[in-house]
Amino acid sequence: MMTNVFIAMTITFATTALVSVGGIAAMVPEIHRQAVDIYGWITDSQFATAFAISQIAPGPNILFVSLIGWRVAGFAGLMVATLATIVPTSALAMLAGRTETRLAHAHWYSIVRSCFQPLVVGLITASGIVTAKIAIEDAMGVVLAAGVAVHFAFTRANPLVPIFAAIVVGIVAGRLGYF
C-alpha cells in the first residue's frame, strides 16, 4: 500500500516539476490540487503551513515539497518527494544548458526565450492566488493580508516587518478567542 503512495508521489512531483517554469512557486497550484484535492494526502491547513515554513526557513524553497513528503510518509516520503522533484529537473537543466549553447545565436531562439518572462509571472501570480485562498479563512485573514499587501505596494521597508506584525496580530487574536 505504501509503495502506491511512493509511486504516486514520484509521478506527481516529477511531472509537476518538469512542466513548471518559474521554480517551486509556480508549482504550488498544481501541488495543492494533487496533494489536497486528488490524493487527500494533507489538508488545506497542512498545505498552507508547509508552504509558510518553506518560505520563512533558510535554504531553498524545495523544502516545501520535502515537507509534504514528510507529512505523507515520514523520512522515506521526504526523500521520494525531494528526489522526484530534483533529479528529473536537474537532468533537464543540463540538457537545456547544452542545447542553449548551440542555439544561442539563432534568431528564432531569442524570440522564444523572450516569451518565458510573462509566462513565469503568470505562474507565480497563480501560485499567490491559490496560497491566499487557502490561507485566508476569515475577516482577520483578509485584514492581515490586505495590510501586508499595502505595505509591500507603498513602502520599501524590510518585508519581514509586516510579516512579523501579522504573526503577532494573529497570535494575539488567537489568545483573545478570535480564532
N, C-alpha and C. Protein backbone atom coordinates (compact mmCIF):
# COMPACT_ATOMS: atom_id res chain seq x y z
N MET A 1 0.82 -1.20 0.00
CA MET A 1 0.00 0.00 0.00
C MET A 1 0.87 1.27 0.00
N MET A 2 1.93 1.27 0.83
CA MET A 2 2.81 2.43 0.89
C MET A 2 3.55 2.61 -0.42
N THR A 3 3.83 1.51 -1.12
CA THR A 3 4.51 1.59 -2.42
C THR A 3 3.68 2.41 -3.39
N ASN A 4 2.35 2.26 -3.36
CA ASN A 4 1.49 3.04 -4.23
C ASN A 4 1.60 4.53 -3.94
N VAL A 5 1.73 4.88 -2.67
CA VAL A 5 1.89 6.29 -2.29
C VAL A 5 3.20 6.83 -2.84
N PHE A 6 4.27 6.05 -2.73
CA PHE A 6 5.57 6.49 -3.24
C PHE A 6 5.54 6.65 -4.76
N ILE A 7 4.88 5.75 -5.44
CA ILE A 7 4.76 5.87 -6.90
C ILE A 7 3.95 7.11 -7.26
N ALA A 8 2.84 7.30 -6.58
CA ALA A 8 2.00 8.49 -6.85
C ALA A 8 2.77 9.77 -6.55
N MET A 9 3.52 9.80 -5.45
CA MET A 9 4.31 10.99 -5.12
C MET A 9 5.38 11.23 -6.18
N THR A 10 6.04 10.18 -6.61
CA THR A 10 7.08 10.32 -7.63
C THR A 10 6.50 10.90 -8.91
N ILE A 11 5.41 10.34 -9.37
CA ILE A 11 4.78 10.82 -10.61
C ILE A 11 4.29 12.26 -10.44
N THR A 12 3.64 12.54 -9.32
CA THR A 12 3.10 13.88 -9.08
C THR A 12 4.20 14.93 -9.06
N PHE A 13 5.22 14.72 -8.24
CA PHE A 13 6.25 15.74 -8.08
C PHE A 13 7.17 15.83 -9.29
N ALA A 14 7.49 14.71 -9.91
CA ALA A 14 8.36 14.75 -11.08
C ALA A 14 7.69 15.44 -12.26
N THR A 15 6.45 15.06 -12.54
CA THR A 15 5.77 15.68 -13.69
C THR A 15 5.47 17.15 -13.44
N THR A 16 5.09 17.50 -12.21
CA THR A 16 4.83 18.90 -11.90
C THR A 16 6.10 19.72 -12.04
N ALA A 17 7.20 19.20 -11.53
CA ALA A 17 8.47 19.93 -11.63
C ALA A 17 8.93 20.06 -13.07
N LEU A 18 8.73 19.04 -13.86
CA LEU A 18 9.19 19.07 -15.25
C LEU A 18 8.41 20.05 -16.12
N VAL A 19 7.14 20.24 -15.83
CA VAL A 19 6.34 21.14 -16.68
C VAL A 19 6.21 22.54 -16.12
N SER A 20 6.71 22.78 -14.92
CA SER A 20 6.59 24.13 -14.35
C SER A 20 7.78 24.97 -14.78
N VAL A 21 7.49 26.22 -15.02
CA VAL A 21 8.52 27.19 -15.35
C VAL A 21 8.43 28.27 -14.28
N GLY A 22 9.51 28.51 -13.56
CA GLY A 22 9.48 29.54 -12.54
C GLY A 22 9.78 29.00 -11.16
N GLY A 23 10.18 27.75 -11.06
CA GLY A 23 10.57 27.21 -9.77
C GLY A 23 9.41 26.71 -8.95
N ILE A 24 9.68 26.50 -7.68
CA ILE A 24 8.71 25.88 -6.79
C ILE A 24 7.45 26.73 -6.66
N ALA A 25 7.58 28.05 -6.71
CA ALA A 25 6.41 28.92 -6.56
C ALA A 25 5.39 28.67 -7.67
N ALA A 26 5.87 28.37 -8.85
CA ALA A 26 4.95 28.11 -9.96
C ALA A 26 4.29 26.74 -9.84
N MET A 27 4.84 25.87 -9.01
CA MET A 27 4.30 24.53 -8.84
C MET A 27 3.19 24.47 -7.79
N VAL A 28 3.06 25.50 -6.97
CA VAL A 28 2.14 25.48 -5.83
C VAL A 28 0.70 25.12 -6.21
N PRO A 29 0.09 25.76 -7.21
CA PRO A 29 -1.31 25.41 -7.50
C PRO A 29 -1.51 23.94 -7.88
N GLU A 30 -0.61 23.40 -8.68
CA GLU A 30 -0.76 22.01 -9.10
C GLU A 30 -0.46 21.05 -7.95
N ILE A 31 0.53 21.37 -7.15
CA ILE A 31 0.82 20.51 -5.99
C ILE A 31 -0.36 20.53 -5.03
N HIS A 32 -0.98 21.69 -4.84
CA HIS A 32 -2.16 21.76 -3.97
C HIS A 32 -3.28 20.88 -4.53
N ARG A 33 -3.52 21.00 -5.81
CA ARG A 33 -4.58 20.20 -6.44
C ARG A 33 -4.33 18.71 -6.25
N GLN A 34 -3.10 18.29 -6.46
CA GLN A 34 -2.78 16.87 -6.35
C GLN A 34 -2.78 16.39 -4.89
N ALA A 35 -2.04 17.10 -4.03
CA ALA A 35 -1.84 16.64 -2.65
C ALA A 35 -3.09 16.77 -1.78
N VAL A 36 -3.89 17.81 -2.02
CA VAL A 36 -5.07 18.05 -1.19
C VAL A 36 -6.34 17.53 -1.86
N ASP A 37 -6.60 17.96 -3.07
CA ASP A 37 -7.87 17.65 -3.72
C ASP A 37 -7.96 16.23 -4.29
N ILE A 38 -6.91 15.79 -4.96
CA ILE A 38 -6.98 14.48 -5.62
C ILE A 38 -6.62 13.33 -4.68
N TYR A 39 -5.43 13.39 -4.07
CA TYR A 39 -4.97 12.28 -3.24
C TYR A 39 -5.38 12.40 -1.78
N GLY A 40 -5.65 13.60 -1.31
CA GLY A 40 -6.03 13.79 0.09
C GLY A 40 -4.90 13.46 1.06
N TRP A 41 -3.67 13.64 0.62
CA TRP A 41 -2.53 13.35 1.48
C TRP A 41 -2.48 14.28 2.68
N ILE A 42 -2.83 15.56 2.45
CA ILE A 42 -2.79 16.56 3.50
C ILE A 42 -4.02 17.46 3.38
N THR A 43 -4.27 18.24 4.42
CA THR A 43 -5.40 19.17 4.42
C THR A 43 -4.95 20.53 3.90
N ASP A 44 -5.91 21.42 3.66
CA ASP A 44 -5.59 22.79 3.26
C ASP A 44 -4.69 23.46 4.30
N SER A 45 -5.02 23.27 5.55
CA SER A 45 -4.25 23.87 6.63
C SER A 45 -2.82 23.35 6.66
N GLN A 46 -2.64 22.05 6.50
CA GLN A 46 -1.30 21.47 6.49
C GLN A 46 -0.52 21.96 5.28
N PHE A 47 -1.20 22.12 4.15
CA PHE A 47 -0.57 22.63 2.94
C PHE A 47 -0.08 24.05 3.17
N ALA A 48 -0.95 24.91 3.72
CA ALA A 48 -0.58 26.30 3.98
C ALA A 48 0.58 26.37 4.97
N THR A 49 0.56 25.52 5.98
CA THR A 49 1.65 25.50 6.96
C THR A 49 2.97 25.09 6.31
N ALA A 50 2.94 24.05 5.49
CA ALA A 50 4.16 23.60 4.81
C ALA A 50 4.70 24.71 3.90
N PHE A 51 3.82 25.39 3.20
CA PHE A 51 4.25 26.47 2.32
C PHE A 51 4.85 27.61 3.13
N ALA A 52 4.20 27.99 4.23
CA ALA A 52 4.70 29.08 5.07
C ALA A 52 6.08 28.74 5.64
N ILE A 53 6.24 27.53 6.14
CA ILE A 53 7.53 27.12 6.70
C ILE A 53 8.61 27.17 5.64
N SER A 54 8.30 26.71 4.44
CA SER A 54 9.30 26.70 3.37
C SER A 54 9.70 28.11 2.95
N GLN A 55 8.81 29.07 3.11
CA GLN A 55 9.11 30.43 2.72
C GLN A 55 9.94 31.17 3.77
N ILE A 56 9.74 30.85 5.04
CA ILE A 56 10.47 31.59 6.07
C ILE A 56 11.74 30.88 6.52
N ALA A 57 11.86 29.60 6.23
CA ALA A 57 13.06 28.85 6.63
C ALA A 57 14.22 29.20 5.70
N PRO A 58 15.42 29.23 6.25
CA PRO A 58 16.58 29.46 5.38
C PRO A 58 16.78 28.27 4.44
N GLY A 59 17.35 28.54 3.32
CA GLY A 59 17.61 27.46 2.36
C GLY A 59 16.67 27.53 1.19
N PRO A 60 16.75 26.54 0.33
CA PRO A 60 15.95 26.54 -0.90
C PRO A 60 14.47 26.28 -0.62
N ASN A 61 13.62 26.81 -1.49
CA ASN A 61 12.18 26.63 -1.36
C ASN A 61 11.73 25.21 -1.66
N ILE A 62 12.63 24.36 -2.12
CA ILE A 62 12.30 22.96 -2.37
C ILE A 62 11.88 22.29 -1.07
N LEU A 63 12.19 22.92 0.04
CA LEU A 63 11.77 22.41 1.35
C LEU A 63 10.26 22.18 1.38
N PHE A 64 9.51 22.95 0.63
CA PHE A 64 8.06 22.83 0.54
C PHE A 64 7.64 21.42 0.14
N VAL A 65 8.24 20.91 -0.91
CA VAL A 65 7.92 19.57 -1.41
C VAL A 65 8.38 18.52 -0.39
N SER A 66 9.54 18.76 0.20
CA SER A 66 10.07 17.82 1.20
C SER A 66 9.14 17.73 2.40
N LEU A 67 8.58 18.86 2.84
CA LEU A 67 7.67 18.86 3.99
C LEU A 67 6.39 18.08 3.68
N ILE A 68 5.90 18.20 2.47
CA ILE A 68 4.72 17.43 2.08
C ILE A 68 5.04 15.94 2.10
N GLY A 69 6.18 15.56 1.53
CA GLY A 69 6.59 14.16 1.55
C GLY A 69 6.73 13.64 2.96
N TRP A 70 7.30 14.45 3.85
CA TRP A 70 7.45 14.07 5.26
C TRP A 70 6.10 13.83 5.90
N ARG A 71 5.15 14.72 5.63
CA ARG A 71 3.81 14.62 6.21
C ARG A 71 3.10 13.35 5.71
N VAL A 72 3.35 13.01 4.47
CA VAL A 72 2.66 11.86 3.87
C VAL A 72 3.27 10.53 4.33
N ALA A 73 4.61 10.42 4.33
CA ALA A 73 5.22 9.11 4.58
C ALA A 73 6.53 9.20 5.35
N GLY A 74 6.68 10.16 6.22
CA GLY A 74 7.89 10.24 7.04
C GLY A 74 9.14 10.52 6.22
N PHE A 75 10.28 10.03 6.74
CA PHE A 75 11.56 10.31 6.09
C PHE A 75 11.61 9.74 4.67
N ALA A 76 11.07 8.56 4.47
CA ALA A 76 11.06 7.97 3.12
C ALA A 76 10.25 8.84 2.16
N GLY A 77 9.13 9.37 2.63
CA GLY A 77 8.32 10.27 1.81
C GLY A 77 9.07 11.56 1.48
N LEU A 78 9.80 12.07 2.47
CA LEU A 78 10.62 13.27 2.25
C LEU A 78 11.63 13.02 1.14
N MET A 79 12.31 11.89 1.19
CA MET A 79 13.32 11.56 0.19
C MET A 79 12.70 11.38 -1.19
N VAL A 80 11.59 10.66 -1.26
CA VAL A 80 10.94 10.42 -2.54
C VAL A 80 10.48 11.74 -3.16
N ALA A 81 9.80 12.58 -2.38
CA ALA A 81 9.29 13.85 -2.90
C ALA A 81 10.42 14.75 -3.35
N THR A 82 11.47 14.84 -2.54
CA THR A 82 12.59 15.72 -2.87
C THR A 82 13.33 15.23 -4.12
N LEU A 83 13.67 13.96 -4.16
CA LEU A 83 14.40 13.43 -5.31
C LEU A 83 13.56 13.45 -6.57
N ALA A 84 12.26 13.19 -6.45
CA ALA A 84 11.37 13.22 -7.63
C ALA A 84 11.29 14.62 -8.21
N THR A 85 11.49 15.61 -7.39
CA THR A 85 11.45 16.99 -7.87
C THR A 85 12.80 17.43 -8.42
N ILE A 86 13.88 17.00 -7.78
CA ILE A 86 15.22 17.49 -8.14
C ILE A 86 15.85 16.74 -9.32
N VAL A 87 15.82 15.43 -9.30
CA VAL A 87 16.58 14.65 -10.28
C VAL A 87 16.11 14.89 -11.72
N PRO A 88 14.81 14.77 -12.04
CA PRO A 88 14.42 14.99 -13.44
C PRO A 88 14.69 16.43 -13.91
N THR A 89 14.46 17.41 -13.04
CA THR A 89 14.68 18.79 -13.45
C THR A 89 16.16 19.11 -13.61
N SER A 90 17.00 18.47 -12.80
CA SER A 90 18.45 18.67 -12.95
C SER A 90 18.94 18.11 -14.28
N ALA A 91 18.44 16.94 -14.62
CA ALA A 91 18.81 16.34 -15.91
C ALA A 91 18.33 17.22 -17.07
N LEU A 92 17.11 17.72 -16.95
CA LEU A 92 16.58 18.61 -17.99
C LEU A 92 17.39 19.90 -18.08
N ALA A 93 17.79 20.45 -16.94
CA ALA A 93 18.59 21.68 -16.94
C ALA A 93 19.94 21.47 -17.62
N MET A 94 20.56 20.33 -17.38
CA MET A 94 21.84 20.04 -18.05
C MET A 94 21.64 19.95 -19.56
N LEU A 95 20.59 19.25 -19.97
CA LEU A 95 20.30 19.12 -21.39
C LEU A 95 19.99 20.48 -22.02
N ALA A 96 19.19 21.28 -21.32
CA ALA A 96 18.83 22.61 -21.83
C ALA A 96 20.05 23.52 -21.93
N GLY A 97 20.93 23.45 -20.95
CA GLY A 97 22.14 24.27 -20.99
C GLY A 97 23.01 23.95 -22.19
N ARG A 98 23.14 22.67 -22.46
CA ARG A 98 23.93 22.27 -23.63
C ARG A 98 23.26 22.69 -24.93
N THR A 99 21.95 22.55 -24.97
CA THR A 99 21.21 22.93 -26.18
C THR A 99 21.28 24.45 -26.38
N GLU A 100 21.14 25.21 -25.29
CA GLU A 100 21.20 26.67 -25.43
C GLU A 100 22.54 27.15 -25.96
N THR A 101 23.58 26.50 -25.56
CA THR A 101 24.91 26.87 -26.05
C THR A 101 24.96 26.75 -27.57
N ARG A 102 24.31 25.71 -28.10
CA ARG A 102 24.30 25.52 -29.54
C ARG A 102 23.34 26.46 -30.27
N LEU A 103 22.23 26.87 -29.60
CA LEU A 103 21.21 27.67 -30.27
C LEU A 103 21.28 29.17 -29.96
N ALA A 104 22.19 29.60 -29.14
CA ALA A 104 22.23 30.97 -28.64
C ALA A 104 22.23 32.02 -29.75
N HIS A 105 22.74 31.71 -30.91
CA HIS A 105 22.84 32.70 -31.97
C HIS A 105 21.68 32.67 -32.97
N ALA A 106 20.75 31.76 -32.80
CA ALA A 106 19.60 31.65 -33.72
C ALA A 106 18.57 32.72 -33.37
N HIS A 107 18.06 33.41 -34.38
CA HIS A 107 17.09 34.49 -34.18
C HIS A 107 15.79 33.98 -33.54
N TRP A 108 15.26 32.87 -34.03
CA TRP A 108 14.01 32.33 -33.50
C TRP A 108 14.13 31.96 -32.03
N TYR A 109 15.33 31.56 -31.62
CA TYR A 109 15.53 31.17 -30.23
C TYR A 109 15.39 32.39 -29.30
N SER A 110 15.89 33.53 -29.71
CA SER A 110 15.76 34.73 -28.87
C SER A 110 14.30 35.16 -28.74
N ILE A 111 13.51 34.95 -29.78
CA ILE A 111 12.07 35.27 -29.72
C ILE A 111 11.37 34.35 -28.73
N VAL A 112 11.62 33.06 -28.83
CA VAL A 112 11.01 32.09 -27.92
C VAL A 112 11.43 32.38 -26.48
N ARG A 113 12.67 32.68 -26.29
CA ARG A 113 13.19 32.94 -24.93
C ARG A 113 12.53 34.17 -24.30
N SER A 114 12.22 35.18 -25.08
CA SER A 114 11.59 36.39 -24.54
C SER A 114 10.16 36.13 -24.07
N CYS A 115 9.55 35.05 -24.51
CA CYS A 115 8.17 34.72 -24.11
C CYS A 115 8.11 34.11 -22.70
N PHE A 116 9.21 33.65 -22.18
CA PHE A 116 9.19 32.99 -20.87
C PHE A 116 8.93 33.94 -19.71
N GLN A 117 9.35 35.19 -19.80
CA GLN A 117 9.16 36.12 -18.68
C GLN A 117 7.70 36.32 -18.31
N PRO A 118 6.81 36.65 -19.25
CA PRO A 118 5.41 36.79 -18.85
C PRO A 118 4.78 35.48 -18.39
N LEU A 119 5.23 34.37 -18.94
CA LEU A 119 4.72 33.07 -18.52
C LEU A 119 5.06 32.82 -17.05
N VAL A 120 6.28 33.09 -16.66
CA VAL A 120 6.71 32.89 -15.27
C VAL A 120 5.94 33.80 -14.33
N VAL A 121 5.76 35.05 -14.71
CA VAL A 121 5.00 35.99 -13.87
C VAL A 121 3.57 35.47 -13.67
N GLY A 122 2.95 34.97 -14.71
CA GLY A 122 1.59 34.43 -14.61
C GLY A 122 1.53 33.22 -13.69
N LEU A 123 2.50 32.32 -13.79
CA LEU A 123 2.51 31.13 -12.94
C LEU A 123 2.73 31.50 -11.47
N ILE A 124 3.60 32.44 -11.21
CA ILE A 124 3.85 32.86 -9.83
C ILE A 124 2.63 33.59 -9.27
N THR A 125 1.94 34.37 -10.09
CA THR A 125 0.70 35.03 -9.65
C THR A 125 -0.36 34.00 -9.30
N ALA A 126 -0.51 32.97 -10.13
CA ALA A 126 -1.47 31.90 -9.84
C ALA A 126 -1.12 31.22 -8.52
N SER A 127 0.15 31.03 -8.27
CA SER A 127 0.60 30.44 -7.01
C SER A 127 0.18 31.30 -5.83
N GLY A 128 0.36 32.61 -5.94
CA GLY A 128 -0.04 33.52 -4.86
C GLY A 128 -1.53 33.48 -4.61
N ILE A 129 -2.31 33.40 -5.66
CA ILE A 129 -3.77 33.36 -5.52
C ILE A 129 -4.22 32.09 -4.82
N VAL A 130 -3.66 30.95 -5.23
CA VAL A 130 -4.02 29.67 -4.58
C VAL A 130 -3.64 29.69 -3.11
N THR A 131 -2.44 30.17 -2.80
CA THR A 131 -1.99 30.23 -1.41
C THR A 131 -2.87 31.16 -0.60
N ALA A 132 -3.23 32.31 -1.15
CA ALA A 132 -4.09 33.26 -0.43
C ALA A 132 -5.47 32.66 -0.17
N LYS A 133 -6.01 31.95 -1.14
CA LYS A 133 -7.34 31.35 -0.96
C LYS A 133 -7.38 30.35 0.20
N ILE A 134 -6.32 29.57 0.35
CA ILE A 134 -6.35 28.58 1.42
C ILE A 134 -5.88 29.14 2.75
N ALA A 135 -5.15 30.26 2.73
CA ALA A 135 -4.64 30.82 3.98
C ALA A 135 -5.60 31.82 4.60
N ILE A 136 -6.43 32.45 3.80
CA ILE A 136 -7.34 33.47 4.30
C ILE A 136 -8.71 32.82 4.50
N GLU A 137 -9.03 32.58 5.77
CA GLU A 137 -10.27 31.86 6.07
C GLU A 137 -11.36 32.76 6.65
N ASP A 138 -11.00 33.95 7.14
CA ASP A 138 -11.98 34.80 7.80
C ASP A 138 -11.60 36.27 7.62
N ALA A 139 -12.37 37.16 8.25
CA ALA A 139 -12.14 38.60 8.12
C ALA A 139 -10.76 39.00 8.63
N MET A 140 -10.29 38.37 9.70
CA MET A 140 -8.97 38.69 10.24
C MET A 140 -7.89 38.38 9.21
N GLY A 141 -8.00 37.26 8.53
CA GLY A 141 -7.04 36.91 7.49
C GLY A 141 -7.04 37.90 6.34
N VAL A 142 -8.24 38.36 5.97
CA VAL A 142 -8.35 39.36 4.90
C VAL A 142 -7.66 40.66 5.31
N VAL A 143 -7.91 41.10 6.54
CA VAL A 143 -7.30 42.35 7.02
C VAL A 143 -5.78 42.22 7.07
N LEU A 144 -5.28 41.11 7.59
CA LEU A 144 -3.84 40.91 7.67
C LEU A 144 -3.21 40.86 6.27
N ALA A 145 -3.82 40.11 5.36
CA ALA A 145 -3.28 40.01 4.01
C ALA A 145 -3.31 41.36 3.30
N ALA A 146 -4.40 42.10 3.47
CA ALA A 146 -4.50 43.42 2.85
C ALA A 146 -3.45 44.37 3.43
N GLY A 147 -3.25 44.30 4.74
CA GLY A 147 -2.23 45.16 5.36
C GLY A 147 -0.84 44.87 4.84
N VAL A 148 -0.50 43.60 4.72
CA VAL A 148 0.81 43.22 4.20
C VAL A 148 0.93 43.65 2.74
N ALA A 149 -0.12 43.46 1.96
CA ALA A 149 -0.09 43.85 0.54
C ALA A 149 0.09 45.36 0.38
N VAL A 150 -0.62 46.13 1.19
CA VAL A 150 -0.47 47.60 1.13
C VAL A 150 0.95 47.99 1.50
N HIS A 151 1.48 47.37 2.53
CA HIS A 151 2.86 47.67 2.94
C HIS A 151 3.84 47.41 1.79
N PHE A 152 3.70 46.26 1.14
CA PHE A 152 4.59 45.93 0.02
C PHE A 152 4.42 46.88 -1.15
N ALA A 153 3.19 47.30 -1.40
CA ALA A 153 2.91 48.16 -2.56
C ALA A 153 3.44 49.58 -2.38
N PHE A 154 3.42 50.08 -1.14
CA PHE A 154 3.71 51.50 -0.96
C PHE A 154 4.98 51.82 -0.17
N THR A 155 5.71 50.83 0.28
CA THR A 155 6.94 51.13 1.02
C THR A 155 8.09 50.29 0.50
N ARG A 156 9.26 50.67 0.89
CA ARG A 156 10.45 49.91 0.54
C ARG A 156 11.08 49.31 1.80
N ALA A 157 10.31 49.28 2.87
CA ALA A 157 10.82 48.75 4.14
C ALA A 157 11.04 47.25 4.05
N ASN A 158 11.76 46.74 5.00
CA ASN A 158 12.06 45.31 5.07
C ASN A 158 10.75 44.51 5.05
N PRO A 159 10.62 43.52 4.16
CA PRO A 159 9.38 42.74 4.06
C PRO A 159 9.08 41.90 5.31
N LEU A 160 10.08 41.66 6.13
CA LEU A 160 9.84 40.88 7.34
C LEU A 160 9.03 41.65 8.38
N VAL A 161 9.03 42.98 8.30
CA VAL A 161 8.31 43.80 9.28
C VAL A 161 6.80 43.51 9.24
N PRO A 162 6.12 43.61 8.09
CA PRO A 162 4.68 43.32 8.10
C PRO A 162 4.38 41.85 8.35
N ILE A 163 5.26 40.98 7.92
CA ILE A 163 5.04 39.56 8.17
C ILE A 163 5.10 39.29 9.67
N PHE A 164 6.11 39.85 10.33
CA PHE A 164 6.23 39.69 11.78
C PHE A 164 5.02 40.32 12.48
N ALA A 165 4.61 41.49 12.02
CA ALA A 165 3.44 42.16 12.62
C ALA A 165 2.19 41.29 12.45
N ALA A 166 2.01 40.68 11.29
CA ALA A 166 0.85 39.81 11.06
C ALA A 166 0.90 38.59 11.98
N ILE A 167 2.09 38.07 12.21
CA ILE A 167 2.23 36.93 13.12
C ILE A 167 1.81 37.34 14.53
N VAL A 168 2.29 38.48 14.98
CA VAL A 168 1.96 38.97 16.33
C VAL A 168 0.46 39.20 16.45
N VAL A 169 -0.14 39.85 15.46
CA VAL A 169 -1.58 40.11 15.49
C VAL A 169 -2.34 38.78 15.51
N GLY A 170 -1.90 37.81 14.71
CA GLY A 170 -2.56 36.51 14.69
C GLY A 170 -2.48 35.80 16.03
N ILE A 171 -1.32 35.87 16.67
CA ILE A 171 -1.17 35.24 17.99
C ILE A 171 -2.06 35.91 19.02
N VAL A 172 -2.05 37.25 19.03
CA VAL A 172 -2.88 38.00 19.99
C VAL A 172 -4.36 37.71 19.73
N ALA A 173 -4.77 37.72 18.48
CA ALA A 173 -6.18 37.45 18.14
C ALA A 173 -6.56 36.03 18.57
N GLY A 174 -5.66 35.10 18.38
CA GLY A 174 -5.92 33.72 18.81
C GLY A 174 -6.09 33.62 20.32
N ARG A 175 -5.23 34.32 21.04
CA ARG A 175 -5.33 34.31 22.52
C ARG A 175 -6.61 34.97 23.02
N LEU A 176 -7.08 35.94 22.25
CA LEU A 176 -8.32 36.64 22.63
C LEU A 176 -9.58 35.90 22.18
N GLY A 177 -9.39 34.78 21.49
CA GLY A 177 -10.53 33.96 21.11
C GLY A 177 -11.13 34.25 19.77
N TYR A 178 -10.44 35.01 18.92
CA TYR A 178 -10.99 35.31 17.60
C TYR A 178 -10.79 34.15 16.63
N PHE A 179 -9.92 33.21 16.94
CA PHE A 179 -9.68 32.05 16.07
C PHE A 179 -10.11 30.81 16.76
